[in-house]
Amino acid sequence: WPWRCRRLQLNRCVDTGLQENLATDLGAPPQGYNGAVETKTWYGRLQLSLDGLYSLSLCWGAPEGSGSPDAAARGGGRNTSEDTRWQVPDHWCDCENKYLDI
């Protein structure tokens, strides 16, 4: 699934801006997909390794029981000195969908 456009930030788990219903897609489903017809948000984290290569974590849906943060919980957005409006809890990007050395 990494071929679609997504919003990412370096070293932050963020809402990528893409919601998707995987029941209509072909290919290997991501971790957490149980075959149900539902739409969830993709969350992602871009990281840079010491050898200069990027890695990407893409996770479909928030972990069970974690809810969905609103803009205030994400840091407020435009009126802050640092843009954190899309940031979500870091553990939301700890899944098995990792693409290394890209």
C-alpha atoms as a PDB file:
ATOM      1  CA  TRP A   1       0.000   0.000   0.000  1.00  0.00           C
ATOM      2  CA  PRO A   2       2.855   2.519  -0.054  1.00  0.00           C
ATOM      3  CA  TRP A   3       2.133   3.667  -3.634  1.00  0.00           C
ATOM      4  CA  ARG A   4      -0.619   6.149  -2.659  1.00  0.00           C
ATOM      5  CA  CYS A   5       0.030   9.738  -1.592  1.00  0.00           C
ATOM      6  CA  ARG A   6       0.117  10.224   2.154  1.00  0.00           C
ATOM      7  CA  ARG A   7       0.945  12.991   4.580  1.00  0.00           C
ATOM      8  CA  LEU A   8       3.976  12.052   6.727  1.00  0.00           C
ATOM      9  CA  GLN A   9       6.289  13.732   9.218  1.00  0.00           C
ATOM     10  CA  LEU A  10       9.779  12.652  10.182  1.00  0.00           C
ATOM     11  CA  ASN A  11       9.923  10.784  13.526  1.00  0.00           C
ATOM     12  CA  ARG A  12       6.237  11.374  14.307  1.00  0.00           C
ATOM     13  CA  CYS A  13       3.239   9.105  14.085  1.00  0.00           C
ATOM     14  CA  VAL A  14       0.616  11.040  12.140  1.00  0.00           C
ATOM     15  CA  ASP A  15      -2.786  10.690  10.521  1.00  0.00           C
ATOM     16  CA  THR A  16      -1.799  10.277   6.862  1.00  0.00           C
ATOM     17  CA  GLY A  17      -5.009  11.852   5.597  1.00  0.00           C
ATOM     18  CA  LEU A  18      -6.109   8.649   3.862  1.00  0.00           C
ATOM     19  CA  GLN A  19      -9.148   6.655   4.912  1.00  0.00           C
ATOM     20  CA  GLU A  20      -9.725   3.380   3.166  1.00  0.00           C
ATOM     21  CA  ASN A  21     -12.065   0.394   3.094  1.00  0.00           C
ATOM     22  CA  LEU A  22      -9.811  -2.584   2.452  1.00  0.00           C
ATOM     23  CA  ALA A  23     -12.664  -4.941   1.644  1.00  0.00           C
ATOM     24  CA  THR A  24     -12.690  -3.441  -1.859  1.00  0.00           C
ATOM     25  CA  ASP A  25      -8.909  -3.613  -2.431  1.00  0.00           C
ATOM     26  CA  LEU A  26      -6.867  -6.468  -3.834  1.00  0.00           C
ATOM     27  CA  GLY A  27      -3.581  -7.788  -2.501  1.00  0.00           C
ATOM     28  CA  ALA A  28      -2.289  -8.839   0.879  1.00  0.00           C
ATOM     29  CA  PRO A  29      -4.194  -7.071   3.671  1.00  0.00           C
ATOM     30  CA  PRO A  30      -2.276  -5.213   6.385  1.00  0.00           C
ATOM     31  CA  GLN A  31      -1.990  -6.292  10.001  1.00  0.00           C
ATOM     32  CA  GLY A  32      -5.250  -5.694  11.814  1.00  0.00           C
ATOM     33  CA  TYR A  33      -7.505  -6.335   8.827  1.00  0.00           C
ATOM     34  CA  ASN A  34     -10.019  -9.073   9.644  1.00  0.00           C
ATOM     35  CA  GLY A  35     -11.992  -9.055   6.400  1.00  0.00           C
ATOM     36  CA  ALA A  36     -14.804  -6.887   7.743  1.00  0.00           C
ATOM     37  CA  VAL A  37     -16.294  -4.174   5.564  1.00  0.00           C
ATOM     38  CA  GLU A  38     -15.164  -1.042   7.353  1.00  0.00           C
ATOM     39  CA  THR A  39     -13.305   2.172   6.689  1.00  0.00           C
ATOM     40  CA  LYS A  40     -10.309   3.070   8.815  1.00  0.00           C
ATOM     41  CA  THR A  41      -7.610   5.719   8.746  1.00  0.00           C
ATOM     42  CA  TRP A  42      -3.998   5.026   7.806  1.00  0.00           C
ATOM     43  CA  TYR A  43      -1.361   6.226  10.306  1.00  0.00           C
ATOM     44  CA  GLY A  44       2.302   6.517   9.379  1.00  0.00           C
ATOM     45  CA  ARG A  45       5.776   7.359  10.640  1.00  0.00           C
ATOM     46  CA  LEU A  46       8.818   8.158   8.503  1.00  0.00           C
ATOM     47  CA  GLN A  47      12.241   7.609  10.084  1.00  0.00           C
ATOM     48  CA  LEU A  48      15.816   8.179   8.940  1.00  0.00           C
ATOM     49  CA  SER A  49      18.452   5.628   9.974  1.00  0.00           C
ATOM     50  CA  LEU A  50      22.072   6.398  10.824  1.00  0.00           C
ATOM     51  CA  ASP A  51      23.151   5.061   7.425  1.00  0.00           C
ATOM     52  CA  GLY A  52      20.942   7.618   5.653  1.00  0.00           C
ATOM     53  CA  LEU A  53      18.128   5.292   4.593  1.00  0.00           C
ATOM     54  CA  TYR A  54      14.465   5.926   5.304  1.00  0.00           C
ATOM     55  CA  SER A  55      11.991   3.498   6.808  1.00  0.00           C
ATOM     56  CA  LEU A  56       8.237   3.815   6.837  1.00  0.00           C
ATOM     57  CA  SER A  57       5.575   2.360   9.134  1.00  0.00           C
ATOM     58  CA  LEU A  58       2.011   2.338   7.767  1.00  0.00           C
ATOM     59  CA  CYS A  59      -0.737   1.162  10.084  1.00  0.00           C
ATOM     60  CA  TRP A  60      -4.386   0.776   9.161  1.00  0.00           C
ATOM     61  CA  GLY A  61      -6.657   1.905  11.972  1.00  0.00           C
ATOM     62  CA  ALA A  62      -5.962   2.902  15.548  1.00  0.00           C
ATOM     63  CA  PRO A  63      -5.259   0.154  18.099  1.00  0.00           C
ATOM     64  CA  GLU A  64      -8.378  -1.352  19.691  1.00  0.00           C
ATOM     65  CA  GLY A  65      -9.797   0.766  22.502  1.00  0.00           C
ATOM     66  CA  SER A  66      -7.652   3.812  21.744  1.00  0.00           C
ATOM     67  CA  GLY A  67     -10.413   5.993  20.312  1.00  0.00           C
ATOM     68  CA  SER A  68      -9.785   8.712  17.767  1.00  0.00           C
ATOM     69  CA  PRO A  69      -8.117  11.991  18.739  1.00  0.00           C
ATOM     70  CA  ASP A  70      -9.685  15.283  17.794  1.00  0.00           C
ATOM     71  CA  ALA A  71      -7.707  18.360  16.682  1.00  0.00           C
ATOM     72  CA  ALA A  72      -7.296  19.623  20.254  1.00  0.00           C
ATOM     73  CA  ALA A  73      -5.771  16.323  21.367  1.00  0.00           C
ATOM     74  CA  ARG A  74      -3.383  16.436  18.424  1.00  0.00           C
ATOM     75  CA  GLY A  75      -1.845  19.712  19.495  1.00  0.00           C
ATOM     76  CA  GLY A  76      -4.168  22.332  18.122  1.00  0.00           C
ATOM     77  CA  GLY A  77      -2.706  22.979  14.703  1.00  0.00           C
ATOM     78  CA  ARG A  78      -2.046  26.294  13.009  1.00  0.00           C
ATOM     79  CA  ASN A  79      -1.701  28.539  16.049  1.00  0.00           C
ATOM     80  CA  THR A  80       1.241  26.636  17.523  1.00  0.00           C
ATOM     81  CA  SER A  81       4.884  27.239  16.699  1.00  0.00           C
ATOM     82  CA  GLU A  82       5.180  23.634  15.550  1.00  0.00           C
ATOM     83  CA  ASP A  83       2.566  21.978  13.338  1.00  0.00           C
ATOM     84  CA  THR A  84       1.247  19.005  15.316  1.00  0.00           C
ATOM     85  CA  ARG A  85      -2.361  18.983  14.088  1.00  0.00           C
ATOM     86  CA  TRP A  86      -2.000  15.533  12.474  1.00  0.00           C
ATOM     87  CA  GLN A  87       0.058  13.901  15.229  1.00  0.00           C
ATOM     88  CA  VAL A  88      -1.422  10.887  17.033  1.00  0.00           C
ATOM     89  CA  PRO A  89      -0.010   8.722  19.857  1.00  0.00           C
ATOM     90  CA  ASP A  90       3.310   7.193  18.796  1.00  0.00           C
ATOM     91  CA  HIS A  91       2.232   3.601  19.495  1.00  0.00           C
ATOM     92  CA  TRP A  92      -0.410   3.897  16.736  1.00  0.00           C
ATOM     93  CA  CYS A  93       2.481   3.435  14.282  1.00  0.00           C
ATOM     94  CA  ASP A  94       3.883   0.332  15.989  1.00  0.00           C
ATOM     95  CA  CYS A  95       2.530  -2.360  13.681  1.00  0.00           C
ATOM     96  CA  GLU A  96       3.985  -5.001  11.394  1.00  0.00           C
ATOM     97  CA  ASN A  97       3.622  -2.957   8.191  1.00  0.00           C
ATOM     98  CA  LYS A  98       7.188  -1.625   8.010  1.00  0.00           C
ATOM     99  CA  TYR A  99       9.085  -0.785   4.857  1.00  0.00           C
ATOM    100  CA  LEU A 100      12.825  -0.598   5.501  1.00  0.00           C
ATOM    101  CA  ASP A 101      15.655   1.021   3.564  1.00  0.00           C
ATOM    102  CA  ILE A 102      13.562   3.022   1.126  1.00  0.00           C
END
